[in-house]
Amino acid sequence: MEQKGFTLWFTGLSGAGKTTLARLVEAELGARGDRVEVLDGDIIRTNLSKGLGFSKEDRDTNIRRIGFVCHLLTRNDVVAIAAAISPYREIRDEVRRQIGSFVEVYCKCPLDVLAERDVKGLYKKALAGDLKHFTGVDDPYEAPLSPEVIVETDRETPEQSAARIIAKLEEMTLVETLAPGYSEEDEAEVRRRPEAPGFV
């Protein structure tokens, strides 16, 4: 199966598991031989979107920039994986229309669980009023109305969530379904390949 580009877009609140899942899916697709690039929201903010603040206009600009890079990658038959809060539904839908081949994954997790697992203490500060414009606390987050995949990261392990995402991509024929008879030993060998000397 010849690789076709598409964008896999992870959205959800801070700490919901977007980057973790993006990296797991990247590893799986890379092990299968697909060309994959991950655009992580935090990394984009320190490079491509350096200088932008957290107003709605700046947030929209940030997402448009990520979307533009995803569009370029997708049309060149690369799997683009974006992991960004992307809180506003309208701008996510705009990016979807621009790219075309677009799969939205909503990382769903209750606020109290996010606050518990937050090692930086950002939710605690935001809930106490010491940190302003924090998405999900005093800035809105608009959940997707009909994402292709919903993962409940407080109820599933990262591996379970990643497996469901891969299964959906196979169902949509965006990635090749592994042939019947593909054993656990075969899968282990595929996973070892990126670690082998000289692997490109």
N, C-alpha and C. Protein backbone atom coordinates (compact mmCIF):
# COMPACT_ATOMS: atom_id res chain seq x y z
N MET A 1 0.85 -1.19 0.00
CA MET A 1 0.00 0.00 0.00
C MET A 1 0.89 1.24 0.00
N GLU A 2 0.71 2.06 -1.02
CA GLU A 2 1.49 3.29 -1.11
C GLU A 2 1.01 4.28 -0.06
N GLN A 3 1.96 4.90 0.63
CA GLN A 3 1.59 5.81 1.71
C GLN A 3 0.90 7.05 1.16
N LYS A 4 -0.20 7.41 1.79
CA LYS A 4 -0.91 8.66 1.50
C LYS A 4 -0.84 9.53 2.73
N GLY A 5 -0.65 10.82 2.52
CA GLY A 5 -0.56 11.72 3.65
C GLY A 5 -1.91 12.00 4.28
N PHE A 6 -1.90 12.22 5.57
CA PHE A 6 -3.09 12.69 6.28
C PHE A 6 -2.62 13.36 7.57
N THR A 7 -3.52 14.10 8.19
CA THR A 7 -3.22 14.75 9.46
C THR A 7 -4.01 14.10 10.57
N LEU A 8 -3.31 13.73 11.63
CA LEU A 8 -3.93 13.20 12.84
C LEU A 8 -3.81 14.30 13.89
N TRP A 9 -4.96 14.85 14.29
CA TRP A 9 -4.96 16.05 15.14
C TRP A 9 -5.49 15.71 16.54
N PHE A 10 -4.59 15.78 17.52
CA PHE A 10 -4.97 15.54 18.91
C PHE A 10 -5.38 16.86 19.56
N THR A 11 -6.57 16.89 20.14
CA THR A 11 -7.02 18.06 20.88
C THR A 11 -7.49 17.63 22.26
N GLY A 12 -7.39 18.54 23.21
CA GLY A 12 -7.79 18.22 24.58
C GLY A 12 -7.07 19.16 25.54
N LEU A 13 -7.51 19.15 26.77
CA LEU A 13 -6.93 20.04 27.77
C LEU A 13 -5.48 19.69 28.09
N SER A 14 -4.79 20.64 28.70
CA SER A 14 -3.41 20.42 29.12
C SER A 14 -3.33 19.21 30.05
N GLY A 15 -2.41 18.29 29.75
CA GLY A 15 -2.24 17.10 30.59
C GLY A 15 -3.16 15.94 30.25
N ALA A 16 -3.95 16.09 29.18
CA ALA A 16 -4.91 15.02 28.83
C ALA A 16 -4.27 13.85 28.11
N GLY A 17 -3.00 13.97 27.73
CA GLY A 17 -2.32 12.83 27.11
C GLY A 17 -2.03 12.99 25.63
N LYS A 18 -2.19 14.18 25.09
CA LYS A 18 -2.03 14.39 23.65
C LYS A 18 -0.62 14.01 23.16
N THR A 19 0.40 14.55 23.81
CA THR A 19 1.77 14.30 23.37
C THR A 19 2.15 12.84 23.56
N THR A 20 1.78 12.27 24.69
CA THR A 20 2.08 10.85 24.95
C THR A 20 1.50 9.97 23.85
N LEU A 21 0.24 10.20 23.51
CA LEU A 21 -0.41 9.38 22.47
C LEU A 21 0.17 9.66 21.09
N ALA A 22 0.49 10.93 20.82
CA ALA A 22 1.09 11.27 19.53
C ALA A 22 2.40 10.50 19.34
N ARG A 23 3.20 10.41 20.40
CA ARG A 23 4.48 9.71 20.30
C ARG A 23 4.30 8.21 20.15
N LEU A 24 3.29 7.64 20.84
CA LEU A 24 3.03 6.21 20.70
C LEU A 24 2.57 5.87 19.28
N VAL A 25 1.68 6.69 18.74
CA VAL A 25 1.19 6.45 17.37
C VAL A 25 2.33 6.66 16.38
N GLU A 26 3.15 7.68 16.61
CA GLU A 26 4.32 7.93 15.75
C GLU A 26 5.22 6.70 15.72
N ALA A 27 5.49 6.12 16.89
CA ALA A 27 6.37 4.96 16.97
C ALA A 27 5.79 3.77 16.21
N GLU A 28 4.48 3.56 16.37
CA GLU A 28 3.83 2.43 15.69
C GLU A 28 3.86 2.60 14.18
N LEU A 29 3.49 3.79 13.70
CA LEU A 29 3.47 4.01 12.26
C LEU A 29 4.88 4.01 11.68
N GLY A 30 5.83 4.56 12.43
CA GLY A 30 7.22 4.54 11.98
C GLY A 30 7.75 3.12 11.87
N ALA A 31 7.35 2.26 12.82
CA ALA A 31 7.77 0.86 12.79
C ALA A 31 7.19 0.13 11.59
N ARG A 32 6.07 0.62 11.10
CA ARG A 32 5.45 0.01 9.91
C ARG A 32 6.05 0.56 8.62
N GLY A 33 6.94 1.55 8.75
CA GLY A 33 7.60 2.09 7.57
C GLY A 33 7.00 3.38 7.04
N ASP A 34 6.05 3.96 7.75
CA ASP A 34 5.43 5.21 7.30
C ASP A 34 6.32 6.39 7.65
N ARG A 35 6.25 7.43 6.83
CA ARG A 35 6.94 8.69 7.13
C ARG A 35 6.01 9.52 8.02
N VAL A 36 6.50 9.89 9.18
CA VAL A 36 5.67 10.56 10.19
C VAL A 36 6.41 11.76 10.78
N GLU A 37 5.69 12.86 10.98
CA GLU A 37 6.24 14.01 11.69
C GLU A 37 5.25 14.42 12.78
N VAL A 38 5.77 14.70 13.98
CA VAL A 38 4.94 15.15 15.09
C VAL A 38 5.17 16.64 15.32
N LEU A 39 4.08 17.39 15.39
CA LEU A 39 4.13 18.81 15.73
C LEU A 39 3.49 18.97 17.10
N ASP A 40 4.34 19.15 18.10
CA ASP A 40 3.86 19.28 19.47
C ASP A 40 3.63 20.75 19.80
N GLY A 41 2.49 21.04 20.42
CA GLY A 41 2.10 22.41 20.69
C GLY A 41 3.13 23.19 21.48
N ASP A 42 3.73 22.59 22.51
CA ASP A 42 4.71 23.29 23.33
C ASP A 42 5.97 23.62 22.53
N ILE A 43 6.40 22.68 21.70
CA ILE A 43 7.61 22.91 20.89
C ILE A 43 7.34 23.97 19.82
N ILE A 44 6.15 23.92 19.21
CA ILE A 44 5.79 24.92 18.20
C ILE A 44 5.81 26.31 18.81
N ARG A 45 5.32 26.43 20.05
CA ARG A 45 5.26 27.75 20.70
C ARG A 45 6.64 28.33 20.95
N THR A 46 7.64 27.49 21.14
CA THR A 46 8.99 28.01 21.39
C THR A 46 9.77 28.23 20.10
N ASN A 47 9.21 27.83 18.97
CA ASN A 47 9.91 27.98 17.69
C ASN A 47 9.04 28.73 16.68
N LEU A 48 8.14 28.03 16.03
CA LEU A 48 7.32 28.62 14.97
C LEU A 48 6.43 29.75 15.47
N SER A 49 5.94 29.65 16.69
CA SER A 49 5.00 30.65 17.22
C SER A 49 5.59 31.46 18.37
N LYS A 50 6.90 31.56 18.41
CA LYS A 50 7.55 32.34 19.47
C LYS A 50 7.05 33.78 19.42
N GLY A 51 6.72 34.32 20.59
CA GLY A 51 6.25 35.70 20.66
C GLY A 51 4.75 35.83 20.73
N LEU A 52 4.02 34.78 20.39
CA LEU A 52 2.56 34.83 20.49
C LEU A 52 2.13 34.69 21.95
N GLY A 53 1.06 35.39 22.29
CA GLY A 53 0.51 35.28 23.64
C GLY A 53 -0.63 34.28 23.69
N PHE A 54 -1.58 34.53 24.60
CA PHE A 54 -2.67 33.57 24.80
C PHE A 54 -4.04 34.20 24.62
N SER A 55 -4.08 35.32 23.88
CA SER A 55 -5.38 35.88 23.50
C SER A 55 -6.01 34.94 22.49
N LYS A 56 -7.31 35.11 22.25
CA LYS A 56 -7.96 34.24 21.27
C LYS A 56 -7.31 34.41 19.89
N GLU A 57 -6.99 35.65 19.53
CA GLU A 57 -6.37 35.90 18.23
C GLU A 57 -5.02 35.19 18.11
N ASP A 58 -4.21 35.27 19.17
CA ASP A 58 -2.90 34.61 19.13
C ASP A 58 -3.03 33.10 19.14
N ARG A 59 -3.99 32.59 19.90
CA ARG A 59 -4.21 31.13 19.90
C ARG A 59 -4.61 30.66 18.50
N ASP A 60 -5.51 31.42 17.86
CA ASP A 60 -5.95 31.06 16.51
C ASP A 60 -4.78 31.09 15.52
N THR A 61 -3.93 32.11 15.65
CA THR A 61 -2.75 32.22 14.77
C THR A 61 -1.85 31.02 14.96
N ASN A 62 -1.63 30.62 16.21
CA ASN A 62 -0.80 29.46 16.51
C ASN A 62 -1.35 28.20 15.84
N ILE A 63 -2.66 27.99 15.96
CA ILE A 63 -3.26 26.78 15.36
C ILE A 63 -3.23 26.85 13.84
N ARG A 64 -3.42 28.04 13.28
CA ARG A 64 -3.32 28.17 11.82
C ARG A 64 -1.91 27.82 11.34
N ARG A 65 -0.90 28.21 12.09
CA ARG A 65 0.48 27.90 11.70
C ARG A 65 0.73 26.40 11.74
N ILE A 66 0.26 25.76 12.82
CA ILE A 66 0.41 24.30 12.90
C ILE A 66 -0.35 23.64 11.75
N GLY A 67 -1.56 24.13 11.50
CA GLY A 67 -2.37 23.58 10.43
C GLY A 67 -1.72 23.74 9.06
N PHE A 68 -1.05 24.87 8.83
CA PHE A 68 -0.39 25.10 7.55
C PHE A 68 0.74 24.10 7.34
N VAL A 69 1.54 23.88 8.39
CA VAL A 69 2.63 22.90 8.28
C VAL A 69 2.06 21.50 8.05
N CYS A 70 0.99 21.15 8.77
CA CYS A 70 0.33 19.85 8.56
C CYS A 70 -0.16 19.71 7.13
N HIS A 71 -0.71 20.79 6.59
CA HIS A 71 -1.20 20.78 5.22
C HIS A 71 -0.06 20.48 4.24
N LEU A 72 1.09 21.13 4.43
CA LEU A 72 2.24 20.90 3.55
C LEU A 72 2.72 19.46 3.64
N LEU A 73 2.82 18.95 4.87
CA LEU A 73 3.26 17.56 5.06
C LEU A 73 2.27 16.59 4.42
N THR A 74 0.98 16.81 4.67
CA THR A 74 -0.05 15.91 4.17
C THR A 74 -0.04 15.83 2.65
N ARG A 75 0.08 16.97 2.00
CA ARG A 75 0.03 16.95 0.53
C ARG A 75 1.30 16.34 -0.07
N ASN A 76 2.34 16.20 0.76
CA ASN A 76 3.56 15.52 0.32
C ASN A 76 3.63 14.08 0.85
N ASP A 77 2.46 13.54 1.18
CA ASP A 77 2.30 12.13 1.57
C ASP A 77 3.08 11.75 2.82
N VAL A 78 3.11 12.67 3.77
CA VAL A 78 3.65 12.41 5.09
C VAL A 78 2.49 12.39 6.08
N VAL A 79 2.57 11.53 7.09
CA VAL A 79 1.58 11.55 8.16
C VAL A 79 1.98 12.67 9.13
N ALA A 80 1.15 13.68 9.23
CA ALA A 80 1.40 14.79 10.15
C ALA A 80 0.57 14.57 11.41
N ILE A 81 1.23 14.55 12.56
CA ILE A 81 0.54 14.37 13.83
C ILE A 81 0.68 15.65 14.64
N ALA A 82 -0.43 16.31 14.91
CA ALA A 82 -0.43 17.54 15.70
C ALA A 82 -0.97 17.25 17.09
N ALA A 83 -0.25 17.75 18.09
CA ALA A 83 -0.71 17.60 19.49
C ALA A 83 -0.73 18.99 20.10
N ALA A 84 -1.90 19.60 20.10
CA ALA A 84 -2.04 20.97 20.60
C ALA A 84 -3.42 21.11 21.24
N ILE A 85 -3.50 21.88 22.30
CA ILE A 85 -4.79 22.07 22.99
C ILE A 85 -5.86 22.47 21.99
N SER A 86 -5.54 23.43 21.12
CA SER A 86 -6.46 23.93 20.07
C SER A 86 -7.89 24.06 20.62
N PRO A 87 -8.11 25.04 21.51
CA PRO A 87 -9.35 25.07 22.28
C PRO A 87 -10.61 25.46 21.52
N TYR A 88 -10.45 26.10 20.35
CA TYR A 88 -11.64 26.64 19.68
C TYR A 88 -12.06 25.78 18.49
N ARG A 89 -13.32 25.39 18.53
CA ARG A 89 -13.87 24.48 17.52
C ARG A 89 -13.79 25.07 16.11
N GLU A 90 -14.09 26.36 16.00
CA GLU A 90 -14.15 27.00 14.68
C GLU A 90 -12.81 26.91 13.95
N ILE A 91 -11.72 27.17 14.67
CA ILE A 91 -10.40 27.16 14.02
C ILE A 91 -9.98 25.73 13.70
N ARG A 92 -10.34 24.75 14.55
CA ARG A 92 -10.04 23.34 14.22
C ARG A 92 -10.78 22.94 12.95
N ASP A 93 -12.03 23.36 12.83
CA ASP A 93 -12.81 23.03 11.63
C ASP A 93 -12.25 23.72 10.39
N GLU A 94 -11.73 24.92 10.58
CA GLU A 94 -11.08 25.63 9.46
C GLU A 94 -9.86 24.85 8.97
N VAL A 95 -9.06 24.38 9.92
CA VAL A 95 -7.87 23.59 9.57
C VAL A 95 -8.29 22.29 8.89
N ARG A 96 -9.35 21.66 9.38
CA ARG A 96 -9.86 20.43 8.76
C ARG A 96 -10.21 20.67 7.30
N ARG A 97 -10.90 21.78 7.03
CA ARG A 97 -11.30 22.09 5.65
C ARG A 97 -10.08 22.34 4.77
N GLN A 98 -9.08 23.01 5.31
CA GLN A 98 -7.87 23.31 4.54
C GLN A 98 -7.12 22.04 4.18
N ILE A 99 -7.01 21.12 5.12
CA ILE A 99 -6.18 19.93 4.91
C ILE A 99 -6.93 18.85 4.13
N GLY A 100 -8.19 18.64 4.46
CA GLY A 100 -8.98 17.62 3.76
C GLY A 100 -8.88 16.26 4.42
N SER A 101 -7.73 15.62 4.33
CA SER A 101 -7.55 14.30 4.93
C SER A 101 -7.14 14.50 6.39
N PHE A 102 -8.14 14.53 7.26
CA PHE A 102 -7.98 15.03 8.63
C PHE A 102 -8.71 14.12 9.60
N VAL A 103 -8.01 13.67 10.62
CA VAL A 103 -8.60 12.79 11.63
C VAL A 103 -8.44 13.47 12.99
N GLU A 104 -9.56 13.75 13.64
CA GLU A 104 -9.53 14.46 14.92
C GLU A 104 -9.67 13.46 16.07
N VAL A 105 -8.74 13.56 17.02
CA VAL A 105 -8.77 12.70 18.21
C VAL A 105 -8.98 13.59 19.43
N TYR A 106 -10.07 13.36 20.13
CA TYR A 106 -10.36 14.14 21.33
C TYR A 106 -9.87 13.38 22.56
N CYS A 107 -8.86 13.93 23.22
CA CYS A 107 -8.35 13.35 24.45
C CYS A 107 -9.19 13.90 25.60
N LYS A 108 -10.11 13.09 26.08
CA LYS A 108 -11.09 13.52 27.08
C LYS A 108 -10.63 13.09 28.47
N CYS A 109 -10.65 14.04 29.40
CA CYS A 109 -10.24 13.73 30.77
C CYS A 109 -10.84 14.77 31.71
N PRO A 110 -11.45 14.34 32.82
CA PRO A 110 -12.07 15.29 33.75
C PRO A 110 -11.04 16.24 34.38
N LEU A 111 -11.50 17.44 34.66
CA LEU A 111 -10.63 18.48 35.21
C LEU A 111 -9.98 18.06 36.53
N ASP A 112 -10.72 17.36 37.39
CA ASP A 112 -10.14 16.97 38.69
C ASP A 112 -8.99 15.98 38.51
N VAL A 113 -9.09 15.10 37.52
CA VAL A 113 -8.01 14.14 37.24
C VAL A 113 -6.80 14.88 36.68
N LEU A 114 -7.05 15.83 35.78
CA LEU A 114 -5.96 16.61 35.21
C LEU A 114 -5.22 17.38 36.30
N ALA A 115 -5.97 17.95 37.23
CA ALA A 115 -5.36 18.70 38.33
C ALA A 115 -4.51 17.78 39.21
N GLU A 116 -4.98 16.55 39.40
CA GLU A 116 -4.24 15.58 40.22
C GLU A 116 -2.92 15.17 39.58
N ARG A 117 -2.94 14.97 38.25
CA ARG A 117 -1.74 14.47 37.57
C ARG A 117 -0.81 15.60 37.11
N ASP A 118 -1.16 16.85 37.40
CA ASP A 118 -0.39 18.01 36.93
C ASP A 118 0.84 18.24 37.80
N VAL A 119 2.00 17.80 37.31
CA VAL A 119 3.23 17.89 38.10
C VAL A 119 3.73 19.33 38.24
N LYS A 120 3.36 20.19 37.29
CA LYS A 120 3.81 21.59 37.34
C LYS A 120 2.94 22.45 38.25
N GLY A 121 1.79 21.92 38.66
CA GLY A 121 0.90 22.68 39.54
C GLY A 121 0.16 23.82 38.85
N LEU A 122 0.06 23.77 37.52
CA LEU A 122 -0.57 24.86 36.78
C LEU A 122 -2.07 24.94 37.05
N TYR A 123 -2.72 23.78 37.13
CA TYR A 123 -4.17 23.78 37.40
C TYR A 123 -4.44 24.36 38.79
N LYS A 124 -3.62 23.99 39.76
CA LYS A 124 -3.79 24.50 41.13
C LYS A 124 -3.69 26.02 41.14
N LYS A 125 -2.69 26.56 40.42
CA LYS A 125 -2.53 28.00 40.34
C LYS A 125 -3.72 28.66 39.63
N ALA A 126 -4.15 28.04 38.54
CA ALA A 126 -5.26 28.60 37.77
C ALA A 126 -6.55 28.59 38.59
N LEU A 127 -6.81 27.47 39.27
CA LEU A 127 -8.02 27.36 40.08
C LEU A 127 -8.00 28.32 41.26
N ALA A 128 -6.80 28.67 41.72
CA ALA A 128 -6.66 29.62 42.84
C ALA A 128 -6.69 31.07 42.34
N GLY A 129 -6.72 31.24 41.02
CA GLY A 129 -6.75 32.59 40.46
C GLY A 129 -5.39 33.22 40.28
N ASP A 130 -4.32 32.42 40.48
CA ASP A 130 -2.96 32.95 40.36
C ASP A 130 -2.39 32.85 38.95
N LEU A 131 -3.08 32.14 38.07
CA LEU A 131 -2.65 31.99 36.69
C LEU A 131 -3.84 32.28 35.79
N LYS A 132 -3.73 33.33 35.00
CA LYS A 132 -4.86 33.78 34.18
C LYS A 132 -4.80 33.17 32.78
N HIS A 133 -5.96 33.15 32.13
CA HIS A 133 -6.11 32.67 30.74
C HIS A 133 -5.66 31.22 30.59
N PHE A 134 -6.01 30.40 31.58
CA PHE A 134 -5.65 28.98 31.52
C PHE A 134 -6.83 28.20 30.95
N THR A 135 -6.59 27.51 29.85
CA THR A 135 -7.67 26.81 29.15
C THR A 135 -8.32 25.76 30.03
N GLY A 136 -9.63 25.80 30.08
CA GLY A 136 -10.40 24.85 30.87
C GLY A 136 -10.75 25.36 32.25
N VAL A 137 -10.09 26.47 32.67
CA VAL A 137 -10.37 27.06 33.98
C VAL A 137 -11.03 28.42 33.78
N ASP A 138 -10.24 29.41 33.32
CA ASP A 138 -10.86 30.71 33.06
C ASP A 138 -10.81 31.10 31.59
N ASP A 139 -10.34 30.21 30.73
CA ASP A 139 -10.45 30.36 29.29
C ASP A 139 -11.20 29.14 28.77
N PRO A 140 -12.07 29.32 27.76
CA PRO A 140 -12.91 28.20 27.32
C PRO A 140 -12.15 27.12 26.57
N TYR A 141 -12.68 25.90 26.66
CA TYR A 141 -12.27 24.81 25.78
C TYR A 141 -13.53 24.25 25.15
N GLU A 142 -13.58 24.25 23.82
CA GLU A 142 -14.75 23.75 23.10
C GLU A 142 -14.45 22.35 22.57
N ALA A 143 -15.05 21.37 23.20
CA ALA A 143 -14.80 19.98 22.80
C ALA A 143 -15.35 19.73 21.39
N PRO A 144 -14.72 18.84 20.63
CA PRO A 144 -15.23 18.51 19.29
C PRO A 144 -16.63 17.92 19.37
N LEU A 145 -17.44 18.22 18.36
CA LEU A 145 -18.81 17.70 18.32
C LEU A 145 -18.85 16.29 17.72
N SER A 146 -17.98 16.04 16.74
CA SER A 146 -18.00 14.70 16.11
C SER A 146 -16.59 14.30 15.69
N PRO A 147 -15.70 14.13 16.66
CA PRO A 147 -14.34 13.68 16.32
C PRO A 147 -14.35 12.25 15.81
N GLU A 148 -13.36 11.90 15.03
CA GLU A 148 -13.27 10.52 14.54
C GLU A 148 -12.99 9.54 15.68
N VAL A 149 -12.25 9.99 16.68
CA VAL A 149 -11.92 9.13 17.82
C VAL A 149 -12.02 9.93 19.11
N ILE A 150 -12.62 9.33 20.14
CA ILE A 150 -12.59 9.88 21.49
C ILE A 150 -11.84 8.89 22.36
N VAL A 151 -10.80 9.35 23.03
CA VAL A 151 -10.09 8.50 23.99
C VAL A 151 -10.29 9.09 25.38
N GLU A 152 -10.67 8.26 26.31
CA GLU A 152 -10.90 8.71 27.69
C GLU A 152 -9.66 8.34 28.50
N THR A 153 -8.77 9.31 28.62
CA THR A 153 -7.44 8.98 29.15
C THR A 153 -7.41 8.78 30.66
N ASP A 154 -8.53 9.00 31.32
CA ASP A 154 -8.59 8.65 32.75
C ASP A 154 -9.06 7.21 32.93
N ARG A 155 -9.56 6.58 31.86
CA ARG A 155 -10.10 5.22 31.95
C ARG A 155 -9.29 4.20 31.16
N GLU A 156 -8.45 4.67 30.24
CA GLU A 156 -7.68 3.77 29.38
C GLU A 156 -6.19 3.99 29.62
N THR A 157 -5.39 2.97 29.42
CA THR A 157 -3.94 3.15 29.43
C THR A 157 -3.56 3.84 28.11
N PRO A 158 -2.41 4.50 28.08
CA PRO A 158 -1.96 5.09 26.81
C PRO A 158 -1.89 4.07 25.68
N GLU A 159 -1.47 2.86 26.01
CA GLU A 159 -1.36 1.81 24.99
C GLU A 159 -2.73 1.42 24.44
N GLN A 160 -3.73 1.35 25.32
CA GLN A 160 -5.09 1.03 24.86
C GLN A 160 -5.63 2.13 23.95
N SER A 161 -5.41 3.37 24.35
CA SER A 161 -5.88 4.50 23.54
C SER A 161 -5.19 4.51 22.18
N ALA A 162 -3.86 4.32 22.19
CA ALA A 162 -3.11 4.32 20.93
C ALA A 162 -3.58 3.20 20.01
N ALA A 163 -3.86 2.03 20.58
CA ALA A 163 -4.34 0.90 19.78
C ALA A 163 -5.68 1.21 19.13
N ARG A 164 -6.56 1.91 19.86
CA ARG A 164 -7.87 2.27 19.28
C ARG A 164 -7.71 3.29 18.15
N ILE A 165 -6.75 4.20 18.31
CA ILE A 165 -6.51 5.18 17.25
C ILE A 165 -5.98 4.49 16.00
N ILE A 166 -5.02 3.60 16.18
CA ILE A 166 -4.46 2.86 15.04
C ILE A 166 -5.55 2.05 14.35
N ALA A 167 -6.41 1.41 15.14
CA ALA A 167 -7.51 0.62 14.57
C ALA A 167 -8.43 1.50 13.73
N LYS A 168 -8.68 2.72 14.19
CA LYS A 168 -9.54 3.64 13.42
C LYS A 168 -8.86 4.05 12.12
N LEU A 169 -7.57 4.30 12.16
CA LEU A 169 -6.84 4.65 10.94
C LEU A 169 -6.86 3.50 9.94
N GLU A 170 -6.77 2.26 10.45
CA GLU A 170 -6.86 1.09 9.58
C GLU A 170 -8.27 0.99 8.99
N GLU A 171 -9.26 1.21 9.83
CA GLU A 171 -10.66 1.15 9.37
C GLU A 171 -10.93 2.17 8.27
N MET A 172 -10.30 3.34 8.40
CA MET A 172 -10.48 4.41 7.40
C MET A 172 -9.56 4.22 6.20
N THR A 173 -8.79 3.13 6.18
CA THR A 173 -7.83 2.78 5.13
C THR A 173 -6.77 3.87 4.92
N LEU A 174 -6.46 4.60 5.98
CA LEU A 174 -5.39 5.59 5.91
C LEU A 174 -4.04 4.95 6.15
N VAL A 175 -4.03 3.85 6.90
CA VAL A 175 -2.82 3.06 7.07
C VAL A 175 -3.17 1.61 6.77
N GLU A 176 -2.16 0.85 6.42
CA GLU A 176 -2.38 -0.53 6.03
C GLU A 176 -2.71 -1.39 7.24
N THR A 177 -3.72 -2.22 7.09
CA THR A 177 -4.06 -3.17 8.15
C THR A 177 -3.03 -4.29 8.14
N LEU A 178 -2.52 -4.63 9.30
CA LEU A 178 -1.52 -5.70 9.37
C LEU A 178 -2.13 -7.01 8.89
N ALA A 179 -1.36 -7.74 8.13
CA ALA A 179 -1.86 -8.97 7.51
C ALA A 179 -2.23 -10.00 8.58
N PRO A 180 -3.26 -10.82 8.30
CA PRO A 180 -3.59 -11.91 9.22
C PRO A 180 -2.38 -12.81 9.41
N GLY A 181 -2.22 -13.30 10.62
CA GLY A 181 -1.08 -14.15 10.89
C GLY A 181 0.14 -13.39 11.37
N TYR A 182 -0.01 -12.08 11.48
CA TYR A 182 1.08 -11.24 11.99
C TYR A 182 1.20 -11.52 13.48
N SER A 183 2.27 -12.17 13.87
CA SER A 183 2.40 -12.66 15.24
C SER A 183 3.00 -11.60 16.17
N GLU A 184 2.95 -11.90 17.47
CA GLU A 184 3.56 -11.00 18.45
C GLU A 184 5.07 -10.91 18.22
N GLU A 185 5.67 -12.04 17.78
CA GLU A 185 7.11 -12.04 17.51
C GLU A 185 7.42 -11.13 16.32
N ASP A 186 6.56 -11.18 15.28
CA ASP A 186 6.73 -10.29 14.13
C ASP A 186 6.64 -8.83 14.56
N GLU A 187 5.66 -8.55 15.39
CA GLU A 187 5.46 -7.18 15.85
C GLU A 187 6.67 -6.71 16.66
N ALA A 188 7.20 -7.59 17.51
CA ALA A 188 8.37 -7.24 18.32
C ALA A 188 9.55 -6.93 17.41
N GLU A 189 9.69 -7.70 16.32
CA GLU A 189 10.79 -7.47 15.38
C GLU A 189 10.63 -6.11 14.69
N VAL A 190 9.40 -5.80 14.29
CA VAL A 190 9.14 -4.51 13.64
C VAL A 190 9.47 -3.36 14.59
N ARG A 191 9.10 -3.53 15.86
CA ARG A 191 9.36 -2.47 16.84
C ARG A 191 10.86 -2.29 17.11
N ARG A 192 11.64 -3.37 16.90
CA ARG A 192 13.08 -3.28 17.14
C ARG A 192 13.81 -2.57 16.00
N ARG A 193 13.21 -2.57 14.82
CA ARG A 193 13.92 -2.05 13.65
C ARG A 193 14.41 -0.61 13.81
N PRO A 194 13.58 0.31 14.33
CA PRO A 194 14.09 1.69 14.44
C PRO A 194 15.30 1.80 15.36
N GLU A 195 15.51 0.81 16.25
CA GLU A 195 16.63 0.86 17.18
C GLU A 195 17.89 0.21 16.59
N ALA A 196 17.72 -0.47 15.46
CA ALA A 196 18.85 -1.18 14.86
C ALA A 196 19.87 -0.20 14.28
N PRO A 197 21.16 -0.52 14.37
CA PRO A 197 22.20 0.36 13.79
C PRO A 197 21.96 0.59 12.32
N GLY A 198 22.08 1.84 11.90
CA GLY A 198 21.93 2.16 10.49
C GLY A 198 20.52 2.33 10.02
N PHE A 199 19.53 2.20 10.93
CA PHE A 199 18.14 2.38 10.51
C PHE A 199 17.89 3.84 10.13
N VAL A 200 17.25 4.06 9.01
CA VAL A 200 16.95 5.43 8.57
C VAL A 200 15.43 5.58 8.46
